[in-house]
Amino acid sequence: ADRPMLDLLGEAAVSHQIVLTKADQPKASELQACIAEIAEATRRRAAAFPEIIATSARDGTGIVELRAAIARLVKERQ
C-alpha cells in the first residue's frame, strides 16, 4: 500500500526516510527481515534516505534516533 506513495515521492524528487512503527510487536528476527527487505527496495529509490528507523512508543526503541533525524532535518532547513 505504501509503494504508490513512495513512487510519487521519488518521481517528485522529494527526499524521504522510512520510519517503522510498532517495532515491539514482531519477533526480532521478523523485524530484521522486514528492515532488510525495505532496505533493499529503497536502494533503488534515489530520493529515499538509506537509514530505516524502527520505533516503538511502548518501549522507546528508536525514538532517540527518530528525534535526532528530525533535528538534523530542521537544522538543514534553517
N, C-alpha and C. Protein backbone atom coordinates (compact mmCIF):
# COMPACT_ATOMS: atom_id res chain seq x y z
N ALA A 1 0.82 -1.20 0.00
CA ALA A 1 0.00 0.00 0.00
C ALA A 1 0.86 1.26 0.00
N ASP A 2 2.08 1.18 0.51
CA ASP A 2 2.94 2.35 0.58
C ASP A 2 3.69 2.62 -0.73
N ARG A 3 3.81 1.62 -1.57
CA ARG A 3 4.63 1.78 -2.79
C ARG A 3 4.16 2.90 -3.70
N PRO A 4 2.84 3.06 -3.96
CA PRO A 4 2.44 4.19 -4.82
C PRO A 4 2.88 5.55 -4.27
N MET A 5 2.78 5.72 -2.96
CA MET A 5 3.21 6.99 -2.36
C MET A 5 4.72 7.15 -2.49
N LEU A 6 5.46 6.08 -2.26
CA LEU A 6 6.91 6.15 -2.40
C LEU A 6 7.30 6.44 -3.85
N ASP A 7 6.57 5.85 -4.80
CA ASP A 7 6.81 6.14 -6.21
C ASP A 7 6.58 7.62 -6.50
N LEU A 8 5.49 8.16 -5.96
CA LEU A 8 5.17 9.57 -6.16
C LEU A 8 6.25 10.47 -5.57
N LEU A 9 6.72 10.15 -4.36
CA LEU A 9 7.80 10.93 -3.75
C LEU A 9 9.06 10.88 -4.60
N GLY A 10 9.38 9.70 -5.13
CA GLY A 10 10.56 9.56 -5.97
C GLY A 10 10.44 10.34 -7.27
N GLU A 11 9.28 10.25 -7.90
CA GLU A 11 9.06 10.97 -9.16
C GLU A 11 9.16 12.48 -8.95
N ALA A 12 8.72 12.94 -7.79
CA ALA A 12 8.77 14.37 -7.48
C ALA A 12 10.12 14.77 -6.88
N ALA A 13 11.03 13.81 -6.71
CA ALA A 13 12.35 14.04 -6.14
C ALA A 13 12.25 14.63 -4.73
N VAL A 14 11.31 14.12 -3.96
CA VAL A 14 11.14 14.55 -2.57
C VAL A 14 11.92 13.60 -1.68
N SER A 15 12.87 14.13 -0.97
CA SER A 15 13.66 13.32 -0.06
C SER A 15 12.77 12.80 1.06
N HIS A 16 12.96 11.52 1.43
CA HIS A 16 12.14 10.92 2.47
C HIS A 16 12.90 9.81 3.18
N GLN A 17 12.43 9.49 4.36
CA GLN A 17 13.04 8.44 5.17
C GLN A 17 11.96 7.50 5.66
N ILE A 18 12.25 6.22 5.69
CA ILE A 18 11.31 5.22 6.15
C ILE A 18 11.41 5.09 7.67
N VAL A 19 10.25 5.19 8.33
CA VAL A 19 10.17 5.00 9.77
C VAL A 19 9.13 3.92 10.03
N LEU A 20 9.56 2.85 10.66
CA LEU A 20 8.65 1.77 11.03
C LEU A 20 8.16 1.99 12.44
N THR A 21 6.88 1.78 12.65
CA THR A 21 6.31 1.93 13.99
C THR A 21 5.94 0.57 14.54
N LYS A 22 5.66 0.53 15.80
CA LYS A 22 5.25 -0.71 16.49
C LYS A 22 6.30 -1.81 16.35
N ALA A 23 7.57 -1.41 16.43
CA ALA A 23 8.68 -2.35 16.28
C ALA A 23 8.76 -3.37 17.40
N ASP A 24 7.99 -3.16 18.47
CA ASP A 24 7.98 -4.10 19.58
C ASP A 24 7.08 -5.30 19.31
N GLN A 25 6.25 -5.25 18.28
CA GLN A 25 5.28 -6.31 18.05
C GLN A 25 5.83 -7.56 17.37
N PRO A 26 6.61 -7.44 16.28
CA PRO A 26 7.13 -8.68 15.68
C PRO A 26 8.31 -9.23 16.46
N LYS A 27 8.61 -10.48 16.21
CA LYS A 27 9.83 -11.07 16.77
C LYS A 27 11.02 -10.33 16.18
N ALA A 28 12.13 -10.33 16.91
CA ALA A 28 13.34 -9.61 16.46
C ALA A 28 13.77 -10.07 15.08
N SER A 29 13.73 -11.37 14.84
CA SER A 29 14.16 -11.89 13.53
C SER A 29 13.22 -11.42 12.42
N GLU A 30 11.92 -11.34 12.71
CA GLU A 30 10.95 -10.87 11.72
C GLU A 30 11.17 -9.39 11.42
N LEU A 31 11.45 -8.60 12.46
CA LEU A 31 11.71 -7.18 12.28
C LEU A 31 12.96 -6.98 11.43
N GLN A 32 14.01 -7.71 11.72
CA GLN A 32 15.25 -7.58 10.95
C GLN A 32 15.04 -7.98 9.49
N ALA A 33 14.25 -9.02 9.25
CA ALA A 33 13.96 -9.43 7.88
C ALA A 33 13.17 -8.35 7.15
N CYS A 34 12.23 -7.72 7.84
CA CYS A 34 11.44 -6.64 7.26
C CYS A 34 12.33 -5.45 6.93
N ILE A 35 13.21 -5.09 7.85
CA ILE A 35 14.12 -3.97 7.61
C ILE A 35 15.03 -4.26 6.43
N ALA A 36 15.53 -5.47 6.33
CA ALA A 36 16.41 -5.86 5.21
C ALA A 36 15.66 -5.77 3.88
N GLU A 37 14.42 -6.23 3.87
CA GLU A 37 13.62 -6.18 2.65
C GLU A 37 13.36 -4.74 2.22
N ILE A 38 13.01 -3.90 3.18
CA ILE A 38 12.76 -2.49 2.87
C ILE A 38 14.05 -1.80 2.43
N ALA A 39 15.15 -2.11 3.09
CA ALA A 39 16.44 -1.51 2.72
C ALA A 39 16.80 -1.85 1.28
N GLU A 40 16.56 -3.09 0.89
CA GLU A 40 16.84 -3.50 -0.49
C GLU A 40 15.95 -2.73 -1.46
N ALA A 41 14.69 -2.58 -1.14
CA ALA A 41 13.77 -1.85 -2.01
C ALA A 41 14.12 -0.36 -2.10
N THR A 42 14.56 0.23 -1.00
CA THR A 42 14.88 1.66 -1.02
C THR A 42 16.21 1.96 -1.68
N ARG A 43 17.07 0.96 -1.82
CA ARG A 43 18.35 1.20 -2.52
C ARG A 43 18.10 1.67 -3.95
N ARG A 44 16.99 1.27 -4.52
CA ARG A 44 16.65 1.65 -5.90
C ARG A 44 15.92 2.99 -5.96
N ARG A 45 15.72 3.60 -4.84
CA ARG A 45 15.00 4.87 -4.79
C ARG A 45 15.97 5.99 -4.42
N ALA A 46 16.31 6.80 -5.38
CA ALA A 46 17.32 7.84 -5.18
C ALA A 46 16.91 8.86 -4.12
N ALA A 47 15.62 9.12 -3.98
CA ALA A 47 15.17 10.14 -3.03
C ALA A 47 15.05 9.61 -1.60
N ALA A 48 15.16 8.31 -1.42
CA ALA A 48 14.99 7.71 -0.10
C ALA A 48 16.29 7.79 0.70
N PHE A 49 16.19 8.26 1.92
CA PHE A 49 17.33 8.26 2.83
C PHE A 49 17.64 6.81 3.18
N PRO A 50 18.88 6.40 3.18
CA PRO A 50 19.20 4.97 3.33
C PRO A 50 18.95 4.37 4.72
N GLU A 51 18.91 5.19 5.76
CA GLU A 51 18.70 4.65 7.11
C GLU A 51 17.22 4.44 7.37
N ILE A 52 16.86 3.26 7.85
CA ILE A 52 15.49 2.95 8.24
C ILE A 52 15.44 2.97 9.76
N ILE A 53 14.48 3.70 10.30
CA ILE A 53 14.36 3.80 11.75
C ILE A 53 13.15 2.99 12.19
N ALA A 54 13.38 2.03 13.07
CA ALA A 54 12.31 1.23 13.64
C ALA A 54 12.01 1.77 15.04
N THR A 55 10.74 2.10 15.29
CA THR A 55 10.38 2.73 16.55
C THR A 55 9.30 1.95 17.29
N SER A 56 9.26 2.18 18.59
CA SER A 56 8.20 1.65 19.43
C SER A 56 7.93 2.67 20.53
N ALA A 57 6.73 3.20 20.55
CA ALA A 57 6.37 4.14 21.62
C ALA A 57 6.26 3.40 22.95
N ARG A 58 5.92 2.13 22.90
CA ARG A 58 5.73 1.35 24.12
C ARG A 58 7.04 1.19 24.89
N ASP A 59 8.11 0.81 24.21
CA ASP A 59 9.37 0.58 24.93
C ASP A 59 10.46 1.61 24.60
N GLY A 60 10.14 2.59 23.75
CA GLY A 60 11.08 3.67 23.46
C GLY A 60 12.11 3.37 22.39
N THR A 61 12.06 2.19 21.81
CA THR A 61 13.02 1.82 20.77
C THR A 61 12.96 2.81 19.61
N GLY A 62 14.11 3.30 19.20
CA GLY A 62 14.23 4.14 18.02
C GLY A 62 13.78 5.58 18.18
N ILE A 63 13.23 5.93 19.31
CA ILE A 63 12.71 7.29 19.49
C ILE A 63 13.85 8.31 19.50
N VAL A 64 14.94 7.99 20.15
CA VAL A 64 16.10 8.90 20.16
C VAL A 64 16.61 9.10 18.73
N GLU A 65 16.71 8.02 17.97
CA GLU A 65 17.19 8.10 16.59
C GLU A 65 16.23 8.92 15.72
N LEU A 66 14.94 8.73 15.92
CA LEU A 66 13.96 9.50 15.15
C LEU A 66 14.04 10.98 15.49
N ARG A 67 14.14 11.29 16.76
CA ARG A 67 14.27 12.70 17.15
C ARG A 67 15.54 13.32 16.57
N ALA A 68 16.63 12.57 16.57
CA ALA A 68 17.89 13.08 16.01
C ALA A 68 17.76 13.32 14.50
N ALA A 69 17.08 12.42 13.81
CA ALA A 69 16.88 12.58 12.37
C ALA A 69 16.04 13.82 12.08
N ILE A 70 15.00 14.03 12.86
CA ILE A 70 14.16 15.21 12.69
C ILE A 70 14.95 16.48 13.00
N ALA A 71 15.76 16.45 14.04
CA ALA A 71 16.58 17.61 14.41
C ALA A 71 17.56 17.95 13.29
N ARG A 72 18.17 16.92 12.70
CA ARG A 72 19.10 17.16 11.57
C ARG A 72 18.38 17.82 10.41
N LEU A 73 17.18 17.33 10.12
CA LEU A 73 16.41 17.89 9.02
C LEU A 73 16.04 19.35 9.28
N VAL A 74 15.60 19.63 10.48
CA VAL A 74 15.23 21.01 10.83
C VAL A 74 16.46 21.91 10.74
N LYS A 75 17.58 21.43 11.23
CA LYS A 75 18.81 22.24 11.18
C LYS A 75 19.23 22.51 9.74
N GLU A 76 19.11 21.52 8.87
CA GLU A 76 19.46 21.71 7.46
C GLU A 76 18.56 22.72 6.77
N ARG A 77 17.32 22.78 7.19
CA ARG A 77 16.35 23.67 6.55
C ARG A 77 16.42 25.11 7.04
N GLN A 78 17.17 25.35 8.12
CA GLN A 78 17.25 26.72 8.66
C GLN A 78 18.27 27.52 7.93
